[in-house]
PDB file of all heavy atoms in Angstrom:
ATOM      1  N   ASP A   1       0.847  -1.186   0.000  1.00  0.00           N
ATOM      2  CA  ASP A   1       0.000   0.000   0.000  1.00  0.00           C
ATOM      3  C   ASP A   1       0.886   1.242   0.000  1.00  0.00           C
ATOM      4  O   ASP A   1       2.103   1.150   0.083  1.00  0.00           O
ATOM      5  CB  ASP A   1      -0.989  -0.008   1.178  1.00  0.00           C
ATOM      6  CG  ASP A   1      -0.324   0.221   2.525  1.00  0.00           C
ATOM      7  OD1 ASP A   1       0.914   0.374   2.580  1.00  0.00           O
ATOM      8  OD2 ASP A   1      -1.043   0.235   3.533  1.00  0.00           O
ATOM      9  N   GLN A   2       0.258   2.413  -0.098  1.00  0.00           N
ATOM     10  CA  GLN A   2       1.009   3.658  -0.192  1.00  0.00           C
ATOM     11  C   GLN A   2       1.573   4.104   1.156  1.00  0.00           C
ATOM     12  O   GLN A   2       2.348   5.041   1.224  1.00  0.00           O
ATOM     13  CB  GLN A   2       0.110   4.751  -0.763  1.00  0.00           C
ATOM     14  CG  GLN A   2      -0.322   4.466  -2.188  1.00  0.00           C
ATOM     15  CD  GLN A   2      -1.397   5.417  -2.674  1.00  0.00           C
ATOM     16  OE1 GLN A   2      -2.090   6.044  -1.879  1.00  0.00           O
ATOM     17  NE2 GLN A   2      -1.550   5.510  -3.986  1.00  0.00           N
ATOM     18  N   LYS A   3       1.199   3.414   2.226  1.00  0.00           N
ATOM     19  CA  LYS A   3       1.668   3.798   3.557  1.00  0.00           C
ATOM     20  C   LYS A   3       2.846   2.954   4.022  1.00  0.00           C
ATOM     21  O   LYS A   3       3.211   2.987   5.192  1.00  0.00           O
ATOM     22  CB  LYS A   3       0.517   3.679   4.554  1.00  0.00           C
ATOM     23  CG  LYS A   3      -0.616   4.639   4.236  1.00  0.00           C
ATOM     24  CD  LYS A   3      -1.760   4.459   5.183  1.00  0.00           C
ATOM     25  CE  LYS A   3      -2.904   5.382   4.816  1.00  0.00           C
ATOM     26  NZ  LYS A   3      -4.097   5.127   5.598  1.00  0.00           N
ATOM     27  N   GLY A   4       3.422   2.157   3.139  1.00  0.00           N
ATOM     28  CA  GLY A   4       4.648   1.447   3.482  1.00  0.00           C
ATOM     29  C   GLY A   4       4.497   0.050   4.049  1.00  0.00           C
ATOM     30  O   GLY A   4       5.386  -0.433   4.735  1.00  0.00           O
ATOM     31  N   VAL A   5       3.386  -0.610   3.777  1.00  0.00           N
ATOM     32  CA  VAL A   5       3.220  -2.003   4.175  1.00  0.00           C
ATOM     33  C   VAL A   5       3.377  -2.845   2.919  1.00  0.00           C
ATOM     34  O   VAL A   5       2.742  -2.585   1.899  1.00  0.00           O
ATOM     35  CB  VAL A   5       1.827  -2.264   4.796  1.00  0.00           C
ATOM     36  CG1 VAL A   5       1.670  -3.730   5.165  1.00  0.00           C
ATOM     37  CG2 VAL A   5       1.608  -1.379   6.000  1.00  0.00           C
ATOM     38  N   SER A   6       4.236  -3.860   2.988  1.00  0.00           N
ATOM     39  CA  SER A   6       4.469  -4.712   1.832  1.00  0.00           C
ATOM     40  C   SER A   6       4.541  -6.169   2.275  1.00  0.00           C
ATOM     41  O   SER A   6       5.214  -6.498   3.253  1.00  0.00           O
ATOM     42  CB  SER A   6       5.781  -4.316   1.144  1.00  0.00           C
ATOM     43  OG  SER A   6       6.080  -5.214   0.100  1.00  0.00           O
ATOM     44  N   VAL A   7       3.814  -7.036   1.568  1.00  0.00           N
ATOM     45  CA  VAL A   7       3.857  -8.480   1.809  1.00  0.00           C
ATOM     46  C   VAL A   7       4.248  -9.128   0.492  1.00  0.00           C
ATOM     47  O   VAL A   7       3.646  -8.870  -0.547  1.00  0.00           O
ATOM     48  CB  VAL A   7       2.489  -9.026   2.282  1.00  0.00           C
ATOM     49  CG1 VAL A   7       2.542 -10.535   2.454  1.00  0.00           C
ATOM     50  CG2 VAL A   7       2.066  -8.346   3.571  1.00  0.00           C
ATOM     51  N   SER A   8       5.271  -9.971   0.552  1.00  0.00           N
ATOM     52  CA  SER A   8       5.770 -10.624  -0.650  1.00  0.00           C
ATOM     53  C   SER A   8       5.912 -12.118  -0.384  1.00  0.00           C
ATOM     54  O   SER A   8       6.438 -12.513   0.662  1.00  0.00           O
ATOM     55  CB  SER A   8       7.127 -10.019  -1.027  1.00  0.00           C
ATOM     56  OG  SER A   8       7.682 -10.709  -2.115  1.00  0.00           O
ATOM     57  N   CYS A   9       5.435 -12.949  -1.307  1.00  0.00           N
ATOM     58  CA  CYS A   9       5.560 -14.402  -1.171  1.00  0.00           C
ATOM     59  C   CYS A   9       6.248 -14.967  -2.404  1.00  0.00           C
ATOM     60  O   CYS A   9       5.859 -14.679  -3.528  1.00  0.00           O
ATOM     61  CB  CYS A   9       4.198 -15.063  -1.016  1.00  0.00           C
ATOM     62  SG  CYS A   9       3.420 -14.756   0.579  1.00  0.00           S
ATOM     63  N   ASP A  10       7.277 -15.749  -2.161  1.00  0.00           N
ATOM     64  CA  ASP A  10       7.994 -16.452  -3.222  1.00  0.00           C
ATOM     65  C   ASP A  10       7.544 -17.902  -3.173  1.00  0.00           C
ATOM     66  O   ASP A  10       7.899 -18.651  -2.250  1.00  0.00           O
ATOM     67  CB  ASP A  10       9.504 -16.343  -2.997  1.00  0.00           C
ATOM     68  CG  ASP A  10      10.299 -16.890  -4.164  1.00  0.00           C
ATOM     69  OD1 ASP A  10       9.861 -17.895  -4.773  1.00  0.00           O
ATOM     70  OD2 ASP A  10      11.355 -16.320  -4.473  1.00  0.00           O
ATOM     71  N   PHE A  11       6.733 -18.308  -4.154  1.00  0.00           N
ATOM     72  CA  PHE A  11       6.159 -19.647  -4.160  1.00  0.00           C
ATOM     73  C   PHE A  11       7.209 -20.730  -4.390  1.00  0.00           C
ATOM     74  O   PHE A  11       7.062 -21.854  -3.939  1.00  0.00           O
ATOM     75  CB  PHE A  11       5.075 -19.763  -5.225  1.00  0.00           C
ATOM     76  CG  PHE A  11       3.898 -18.852  -4.985  1.00  0.00           C
ATOM     77  CD1 PHE A  11       3.317 -18.157  -6.028  1.00  0.00           C
ATOM     78  CD2 PHE A  11       3.362 -18.701  -3.723  1.00  0.00           C
ATOM     79  CE1 PHE A  11       2.231 -17.323  -5.813  1.00  0.00           C
ATOM     80  CE2 PHE A  11       2.282 -17.867  -3.490  1.00  0.00           C
ATOM     81  CZ  PHE A  11       1.711 -17.180  -4.541  1.00  0.00           C
ATOM     82  N   GLN A  12       8.256 -20.390  -5.097  1.00  0.00           N
ATOM     83  CA  GLN A  12       9.288 -21.385  -5.402  1.00  0.00           C
ATOM     84  C   GLN A  12       9.979 -21.855  -4.115  1.00  0.00           C
ATOM     85  O   GLN A  12      10.293 -23.023  -3.965  1.00  0.00           O
ATOM     86  CB  GLN A  12      10.315 -20.808  -6.368  1.00  0.00           C
ATOM     87  CG  GLN A  12      11.377 -21.809  -6.784  1.00  0.00           C
ATOM     88  CD  GLN A  12      12.312 -21.220  -7.832  1.00  0.00           C
ATOM     89  OE1 GLN A  12      12.128 -20.101  -8.300  1.00  0.00           O
ATOM     90  NE2 GLN A  12      13.317 -21.995  -8.204  1.00  0.00           N
ATOM     91  N   TYR A  13      10.211 -20.935  -3.184  1.00  0.00           N
ATOM     92  CA  TYR A  13      10.927 -21.276  -1.953  1.00  0.00           C
ATOM     93  C   TYR A  13      10.018 -21.340  -0.725  1.00  0.00           C
ATOM     94  O   TYR A  13      10.497 -21.524   0.388  1.00  0.00           O
ATOM     95  CB  TYR A  13      12.049 -20.266  -1.716  1.00  0.00           C
ATOM     96  CG  TYR A  13      13.059 -20.271  -2.826  1.00  0.00           C
ATOM     97  CD1 TYR A  13      13.115 -19.216  -3.740  1.00  0.00           C
ATOM     98  CD2 TYR A  13      13.937 -21.328  -2.992  1.00  0.00           C
ATOM     99  CE1 TYR A  13      14.031 -19.217  -4.779  1.00  0.00           C
ATOM    100  CE2 TYR A  13      14.856 -21.349  -4.030  1.00  0.00           C
ATOM    101  CZ  TYR A  13      14.897 -20.285  -4.914  1.00  0.00           C
ATOM    102  OH  TYR A  13      15.798 -20.299  -5.944  1.00  0.00           O
ATOM    103  N   ASP A  14       8.698 -21.142  -0.908  1.00  0.00           N
ATOM    104  CA  ASP A  14       7.746 -21.129   0.200  1.00  0.00           C
ATOM    105  C   ASP A  14       8.158 -20.148   1.296  1.00  0.00           C
ATOM    106  O   ASP A  14       8.163 -20.471   2.482  1.00  0.00           O
ATOM    107  CB  ASP A  14       7.574 -22.534   0.799  1.00  0.00           C
ATOM    108  CG  ASP A  14       6.817 -23.461  -0.132  1.00  0.00           C
ATOM    109  OD1 ASP A  14       5.993 -22.971  -0.920  1.00  0.00           O
ATOM    110  OD2 ASP A  14       7.061 -24.677  -0.085  1.00  0.00           O
ATOM    111  N   VAL A  15       8.525 -18.933   0.888  1.00  0.00           N
ATOM    112  CA  VAL A  15       8.937 -17.895   1.830  1.00  0.00           C
ATOM    113  C   VAL A  15       8.093 -16.647   1.601  1.00  0.00           C
ATOM    114  O   VAL A  15       7.930 -16.192   0.475  1.00  0.00           O
ATOM    115  CB  VAL A  15      10.438 -17.545   1.632  1.00  0.00           C
ATOM    116  CG1 VAL A  15      10.827 -16.357   2.485  1.00  0.00           C
ATOM    117  CG2 VAL A  15      11.313 -18.736   1.968  1.00  0.00           C
ATOM    118  N   CYS A  16       7.541 -16.122   2.689  1.00  0.00           N
ATOM    119  CA  CYS A  16       6.804 -14.864   2.614  1.00  0.00           C
ATOM    120  C   CYS A  16       7.476 -13.866   3.547  1.00  0.00           C
ATOM    121  O   CYS A  16       7.942 -14.228   4.629  1.00  0.00           O
ATOM    122  CB  CYS A  16       5.352 -15.054   3.040  1.00  0.00           C
ATOM    123  SG  CYS A  16       4.377 -16.058   1.896  1.00  0.00           S
ATOM    124  N   THR A  17       7.545 -12.607   3.129  1.00  0.00           N
ATOM    125  CA  THR A  17       8.141 -11.561   3.945  1.00  0.00           C
ATOM    126  C   THR A  17       7.155 -10.416   4.132  1.00  0.00           C
ATOM    127  O   THR A  17       6.336 -10.150   3.253  1.00  0.00           O
ATOM    128  CB  THR A  17       9.432 -11.006   3.314  1.00  0.00           C
ATOM    129  OG1 THR A  17       9.116 -10.483   2.030  1.00  0.00           O
ATOM    130  CG2 THR A  17      10.497 -12.074   3.182  1.00  0.00           C
ATOM    131  N   VAL A  18       7.257  -9.771   5.266  1.00  0.00           N
ATOM    132  CA  VAL A  18       6.449  -8.593   5.569  1.00  0.00           C
ATOM    133  C   VAL A  18       7.426  -7.456   5.844  1.00  0.00           C
ATOM    134  O   VAL A  18       8.344  -7.596   6.645  1.00  0.00           O
ATOM    135  CB  VAL A  18       5.556  -8.828   6.804  1.00  0.00           C
ATOM    136  CG1 VAL A  18       4.787  -7.564   7.155  1.00  0.00           C
ATOM    137  CG2 VAL A  18       4.609  -9.993   6.572  1.00  0.00           C
ATOM    138  N   THR A  19       7.245  -6.331   5.155  1.00  0.00           N
ATOM    139  CA  THR A  19       8.106  -5.168   5.338  1.00  0.00           C
ATOM    140  C   THR A  19       7.244  -3.978   5.748  1.00  0.00           C
ATOM    141  O   THR A  19       6.225  -3.709   5.111  1.00  0.00           O
ATOM    142  CB  THR A  19       8.861  -4.838   4.033  1.00  0.00           C
ATOM    143  OG1 THR A  19       9.546  -6.009   3.592  1.00  0.00           O
ATOM    144  CG2 THR A  19       9.859  -3.720   4.249  1.00  0.00           C
ATOM    145  N   LEU A  20       7.668  -3.291   6.813  1.00  0.00           N
ATOM    146  CA  LEU A  20       6.939  -2.119   7.288  1.00  0.00           C
ATOM    147  C   LEU A  20       7.849  -0.902   7.228  1.00  0.00           C
ATOM    148  O   LEU A  20       8.995  -0.956   7.675  1.00  0.00           O
ATOM    149  CB  LEU A  20       6.472  -2.318   8.740  1.00  0.00           C
ATOM    150  CG  LEU A  20       5.544  -3.498   9.014  1.00  0.00           C
ATOM    151  CD1 LEU A  20       5.244  -3.589  10.498  1.00  0.00           C
ATOM    152  CD2 LEU A  20       4.265  -3.373   8.218  1.00  0.00           C
ATOM    153  N   ALA A  21       7.332   0.192   6.709  1.00  0.00           N
ATOM    154  CA  ALA A  21       8.085   1.445   6.661  1.00  0.00           C
ATOM    155  C   ALA A  21       8.138   2.065   8.058  1.00  0.00           C
ATOM    156  O   ALA A  21       7.426   1.647   8.970  1.00  0.00           O
ATOM    157  CB  ALA A  21       7.434   2.414   5.676  1.00  0.00           C
ATOM    158  N   GLY A  22       8.957   3.077   8.214  1.00  0.00           N
ATOM    159  CA  GLY A  22       9.114   3.755   9.497  1.00  0.00           C
ATOM    160  C   GLY A  22       7.828   4.329  10.062  1.00  0.00           C
ATOM    161  O   GLY A  22       7.709   4.517  11.275  1.00  0.00           O
ATOM    162  N   TRP A  23       6.853   4.605   9.201  1.00  0.00           N
ATOM    163  CA  TRP A  23       5.568   5.145   9.669  1.00  0.00           C
ATOM    164  C   TRP A  23       4.885   4.186  10.639  1.00  0.00           C
ATOM    165  O   TRP A  23       4.048   4.588  11.434  1.00  0.00           O
ATOM    166  CB  TRP A  23       4.626   5.397   8.491  1.00  0.00           C
ATOM    167  CG  TRP A  23       5.154   6.393   7.523  1.00  0.00           C
ATOM    168  CD1 TRP A  23       5.677   6.137   6.293  1.00  0.00           C
ATOM    169  CD2 TRP A  23       5.225   7.807   7.693  1.00  0.00           C
ATOM    170  NE1 TRP A  23       6.075   7.303   5.686  1.00  0.00           N
ATOM    171  CE2 TRP A  23       5.799   8.349   6.528  1.00  0.00           C
ATOM    172  CE3 TRP A  23       4.859   8.675   8.725  1.00  0.00           C
ATOM    173  CZ2 TRP A  23       6.021   9.705   6.367  1.00  0.00           C
ATOM    174  CZ3 TRP A  23       5.079  10.024   8.561  1.00  0.00           C
ATOM    175  CH2 TRP A  23       5.651  10.523   7.396  1.00  0.00           C
ATOM    176  N   HIS A  24       5.224   2.904  10.547  1.00  0.00           N
ATOM    177  CA  HIS A  24       4.574   1.884  11.376  1.00  0.00           C
ATOM    178  C   HIS A  24       5.429   1.477  12.581  1.00  0.00           C
ATOM    179  O   HIS A  24       5.190   0.440  13.187  1.00  0.00           O
ATOM    180  CB  HIS A  24       4.251   0.666  10.516  1.00  0.00           C
ATOM    181  CG  HIS A  24       3.347   0.982   9.372  1.00  0.00           C
ATOM    182  ND1 HIS A  24       2.014   1.289   9.530  1.00  0.00           N
ATOM    183  CD2 HIS A  24       3.590   1.092   8.045  1.00  0.00           C
ATOM    184  CE1 HIS A  24       1.484   1.557   8.355  1.00  0.00           C
ATOM    185  NE2 HIS A  24       2.416   1.446   7.443  1.00  0.00           N
ATOM    186  N   HIS A  25       6.403   2.314  12.931  1.00  0.00           N
ATOM    187  CA  HIS A  25       7.294   2.043  14.057  1.00  0.00           C
ATOM    188  C   HIS A  25       6.503   1.982  15.361  1.00  0.00           C
ATOM    189  O   HIS A  25       5.826   2.946  15.746  1.00  0.00           O
ATOM    190  CB  HIS A  25       8.360   3.141  14.138  1.00  0.00           C
ATOM    191  CG  HIS A  25       9.325   2.961  15.262  1.00  0.00           C
ATOM    192  ND1 HIS A  25      10.389   2.096  15.187  1.00  0.00           N
ATOM    193  CD2 HIS A  25       9.366   3.525  16.495  1.00  0.00           C
ATOM    194  CE1 HIS A  25      11.064   2.139  16.318  1.00  0.00           C
ATOM    195  NE2 HIS A  25      10.468   3.003  17.128  1.00  0.00           N
ATOM    196  N   GLY A  26       6.551   0.830  16.016  1.00  0.00           N
ATOM    197  CA  GLY A  26       5.953   0.691  17.339  1.00  0.00           C
ATOM    198  C   GLY A  26       4.447   0.657  17.416  1.00  0.00           C
ATOM    199  O   GLY A  26       3.902   0.789  18.509  1.00  0.00           O
ATOM    200  N   VAL A  27       3.736   0.486  16.310  1.00  0.00           N
ATOM    201  CA  VAL A  27       2.274   0.470  16.371  1.00  0.00           C
ATOM    202  C   VAL A  27       1.691  -0.922  16.152  1.00  0.00           C
ATOM    203  O   VAL A  27       0.489  -1.104  16.228  1.00  0.00           O
ATOM    204  CB  VAL A  27       1.630   1.443  15.339  1.00  0.00           C
ATOM    205  CG1 VAL A  27       2.055   2.860  15.605  1.00  0.00           C
ATOM    206  CG2 VAL A  27       1.920   1.027  13.916  1.00  0.00           C
ATOM    207  N   SER A  28       2.555  -1.901  15.879  1.00  0.00           N
ATOM    208  CA  SER A  28       2.039  -3.231  15.588  1.00  0.00           C
ATOM    209  C   SER A  28       2.437  -4.229  16.667  1.00  0.00           C
ATOM    210  O   SER A  28       3.360  -3.998  17.445  1.00  0.00           O
ATOM    211  CB  SER A  28       2.532  -3.714  14.225  1.00  0.00           C
ATOM    212  OG  SER A  28       3.927  -3.933  14.242  1.00  0.00           O
ATOM    213  N   ALA A  29       1.715  -5.327  16.691  1.00  0.00           N
ATOM    214  CA  ALA A  29       2.017  -6.423  17.609  1.00  0.00           C
ATOM    215  C   ALA A  29       1.530  -7.715  16.960  1.00  0.00           C
ATOM    216  O   ALA A  29       0.766  -7.700  16.005  1.00  0.00           O
ATOM    217  CB  ALA A  29       1.338  -6.205  18.947  1.00  0.00           C
ATOM    218  N   GLY A  30       1.980  -8.820  17.499  1.00  0.00           N
ATOM    219  CA  GLY A  30       1.649 -10.140  16.982  1.00  0.00           C
ATOM    220  C   GLY A  30       2.872 -11.034  17.108  1.00  0.00           C
ATOM    221  O   GLY A  30       3.837 -10.698  17.802  1.00  0.00           O
ATOM    222  N   LEU A  31       2.853 -12.172  16.434  1.00  0.00           N
ATOM    223  CA  LEU A  31       4.003 -13.075  16.494  1.00  0.00           C
ATOM    224  C   LEU A  31       5.262 -12.448  15.919  1.00  0.00           C
ATOM    225  O   LEU A  31       6.363 -12.852  16.258  1.00  0.00           O
ATOM    226  CB  LEU A  31       3.705 -14.382  15.745  1.00  0.00           C
ATOM    227  CG  LEU A  31       2.850 -15.404  16.481  1.00  0.00           C
ATOM    228  CD1 LEU A  31       2.747 -16.684  15.672  1.00  0.00           C
ATOM    229  CD2 LEU A  31       3.380 -15.705  17.859  1.00  0.00           C
ATOM    230  N   PHE A  32       5.111 -11.454  15.049  1.00  0.00           N
ATOM    231  CA  PHE A  32       6.283 -10.785  14.486  1.00  0.00           C
ATOM    232  C   PHE A  32       6.854  -9.715  15.419  1.00  0.00           C
ATOM    233  O   PHE A  32       7.781  -9.013  15.065  1.00  0.00           O
ATOM    234  CB  PHE A  32       5.951 -10.149  13.134  1.00  0.00           C
ATOM    235  CG  PHE A  32       5.826 -11.143  12.014  1.00  0.00           C
ATOM    236  CD1 PHE A  32       5.305 -10.747  10.796  1.00  0.00           C
ATOM    237  CD2 PHE A  32       6.233 -12.461  12.142  1.00  0.00           C
ATOM    238  CE1 PHE A  32       5.193 -11.642   9.749  1.00  0.00           C
ATOM    239  CE2 PHE A  32       6.124 -13.360  11.108  1.00  0.00           C
ATOM    240  CZ  PHE A  32       5.598 -12.959   9.903  1.00  0.00           C
ATOM    241  N   GLY A  33       6.293  -9.568  16.602  1.00  0.00           N
ATOM    242  CA  GLY A  33       6.835  -8.632  17.579  1.00  0.00           C
ATOM    243  C   GLY A  33       6.232  -7.248  17.486  1.00  0.00           C
ATOM    244  O   GLY A  33       5.212  -7.031  16.842  1.00  0.00           O
ATOM    245  N   THR A  34       6.908  -6.293  18.133  1.00  0.00           N
ATOM    246  CA  THR A  34       6.361  -4.939  18.283  1.00  0.00           C
ATOM    247  C   THR A  34       6.898  -3.923  17.283  1.00  0.00           C
ATOM    248  O   THR A  34       6.430  -2.792  17.261  1.00  0.00           O
ATOM    249  CB  THR A  34       6.653  -4.420  19.706  1.00  0.00           C
ATOM    250  OG1 THR A  34       8.066  -4.492  19.916  1.00  0.00           O
ATOM    251  CG2 THR A  34       5.921  -5.237  20.751  1.00  0.00           C
ATOM    252  N   ASN A  35       7.885  -4.287  16.489  1.00  0.00           N
ATOM    253  CA  ASN A  35       8.425  -3.405  15.452  1.00  0.00           C
ATOM    254  C   ASN A  35       8.850  -2.041  16.008  1.00  0.00           C
ATOM    255  O   ASN A  35       8.538  -0.994  15.441  1.00  0.00           O
ATOM    256  CB  ASN A  35       7.415  -3.224  14.311  1.00  0.00           C
ATOM    257  CG  ASN A  35       8.011  -2.508  13.123  1.00  0.00           C
ATOM    258  OD1 ASN A  35       9.150  -2.768  12.730  1.00  0.00           O
ATOM    259  ND2 ASN A  35       7.264  -1.585  12.541  1.00  0.00           N
ATOM    260  N   ASP A  36       9.543  -2.059  17.138  1.00  0.00           N
ATOM    261  CA  ASP A  36      10.024  -0.792  17.692  1.00  0.00           C
ATOM    262  C   ASP A  36      11.533  -0.818  17.989  1.00  0.00           C
ATOM    263  O   ASP A  36      12.040   0.045  18.700  1.00  0.00           O
ATOM    264  CB  ASP A  36       9.239  -0.412  18.943  1.00  0.00           C
ATOM    265  CG  ASP A  36       9.412  -1.405  20.073  1.00  0.00           C
ATOM    266  OD1 ASP A  36      10.121  -2.427  19.898  1.00  0.00           O
ATOM    267  OD2 ASP A  36       8.833  -1.173  21.151  1.00  0.00           O
ATOM    268  N   ASN A  37      12.227  -1.810  17.450  1.00  0.00           N
ATOM    269  CA  ASN A  37      13.682  -1.960  17.604  1.00  0.00           C
ATOM    270  C   ASN A  37      14.121  -2.160  19.055  1.00  0.00           C
ATOM    271  O   ASN A  37      15.271  -1.911  19.391  1.00  0.00           O
ATOM    272  CB  ASN A  37      14.433  -0.769  17.002  1.00  0.00           C
ATOM    273  CG  ASN A  37      14.261  -0.703  15.504  1.00  0.00           C
ATOM    274  OD1 ASN A  37      14.153  -1.733  14.842  1.00  0.00           O
ATOM    275  ND2 ASN A  37      14.224   0.498  14.961  1.00  0.00           N
ATOM    276  N   GLU A  38      13.217  -2.589  19.905  1.00  0.00           N
ATOM    277  CA  GLU A  38      13.552  -2.885  21.301  1.00  0.00           C
ATOM    278  C   GLU A  38      13.468  -4.395  21.500  1.00  0.00           C
ATOM    279  O   GLU A  38      12.380  -4.973  21.474  1.00  0.00           O
ATOM    280  CB  GLU A  38      12.578  -2.185  22.263  1.00  0.00           C
ATOM    281  CG  GLU A  38      12.627  -0.685  22.214  1.00  0.00           C
ATOM    282  CD  GLU A  38      13.941  -0.126  22.743  1.00  0.00           C
ATOM    283  OE1 GLU A  38      14.578  -0.766  23.603  1.00  0.00           O
ATOM    284  OE2 GLU A  38      14.335   0.961  22.275  1.00  0.00           O
ATOM    285  N   ALA A  39      14.606  -5.041  21.702  1.00  0.00           N
ATOM    286  CA  ALA A  39      14.636  -6.498  21.843  1.00  0.00           C
ATOM    287  C   ALA A  39      13.906  -6.969  23.095  1.00  0.00           C
ATOM    288  O   ALA A  39      13.380  -8.083  23.136  1.00  0.00           O
ATOM    289  CB  ALA A  39      16.081  -6.989  21.861  1.00  0.00           C
ATOM    290  N   GLY A  40      13.832  -6.148  24.100  1.00  0.00           N
ATOM    291  CA  GLY A  40      13.250  -6.554  25.375  1.00  0.00           C
ATOM    292  C   GLY A  40      11.748  -6.712  25.392  1.00  0.00           C
ATOM    293  O   GLY A  40      11.194  -7.293  26.325  1.00  0.00           O
ATOM    294  N   ASN A  41      11.042  -6.202  24.389  1.00  0.00           N
ATOM    295  CA  ASN A  41       9.573  -6.308  24.427  1.00  0.00           C
ATOM    296  C   ASN A  41       8.986  -7.068  23.241  1.00  0.00           C
ATOM    297  O   ASN A  41       7.800  -6.957  22.964  1.00  0.00           O
ATOM    298  CB  ASN A  41       8.939  -4.921  24.544  1.00  0.00           C
ATOM    299  CG  ASN A  41       9.156  -4.066  23.305  1.00  0.00           C
ATOM    300  OD1 ASN A  41       9.779  -4.503  22.339  1.00  0.00           O
ATOM    301  ND2 ASN A  41       8.657  -2.858  23.347  1.00  0.00           N
ATOM    302  N   GLU A  42       9.801  -7.834  22.552  1.00  0.00           N
ATOM    303  CA  GLU A  42       9.312  -8.563  21.376  1.00  0.00           C
ATOM    304  C   GLU A  42       8.319  -9.662  21.736  1.00  0.00           C
ATOM    305  O   GLU A  42       7.498 -10.034  20.928  1.00  0.00           O
ATOM    306  CB  GLU A  42      10.481  -9.170  20.597  1.00  0.00           C
ATOM    307  CG  GLU A  42      11.329  -8.133  19.887  1.00  0.00           C
ATOM    308  CD  GLU A  42      10.544  -7.271  18.909  1.00  0.00           C
ATOM    309  OE1 GLU A  42       9.880  -7.830  18.023  1.00  0.00           O
ATOM    310  OE2 GLU A  42      10.598  -6.052  19.031  1.00  0.00           O
ATOM    311  N   TRP A  43       8.418 -10.198  22.934  1.00  0.00           N
ATOM    312  CA  TRP A  43       7.567 -11.320  23.326  1.00  0.00           C
ATOM    313  C   TRP A  43       6.367 -10.850  24.146  1.00  0.00           C
ATOM    314  O   TRP A  43       5.973 -11.457  25.118  1.00  0.00           O
ATOM    315  CB  TRP A  43       8.397 -12.342  24.096  1.00  0.00           C
ATOM    316  CG  TRP A  43       9.334 -13.087  23.189  1.00  0.00           C
ATOM    317  CD1 TRP A  43      10.222 -12.555  22.315  1.00  0.00           C
ATOM    318  CD2 TRP A  43       9.444 -14.487  23.053  1.00  0.00           C
ATOM    319  NE1 TRP A  43      10.891 -13.542  21.650  1.00  0.00           N
ATOM    320  CE2 TRP A  43      10.435 -14.749  22.093  1.00  0.00           C
ATOM    321  CE3 TRP A  43       8.811 -15.562  23.666  1.00  0.00           C
ATOM    322  CZ2 TRP A  43      10.800 -16.020  21.709  1.00  0.00           C
ATOM    323  CZ3 TRP A  43       9.179 -16.837  23.296  1.00  0.00           C
ATOM    324  CH2 TRP A  43      10.158 -17.060  22.329  1.00  0.00           C
TER     325      TRP A  43
END
């Protein structure tokens, strides 16, 4: 989308990646962690 969220899946290798732009710093949570560059609160 135009706000910096990108999901890409490579079917050949069964790998999907999620990329978030800086606009989404620290606003998300889930198994992928908090996206705030703080190792202490990922879990």
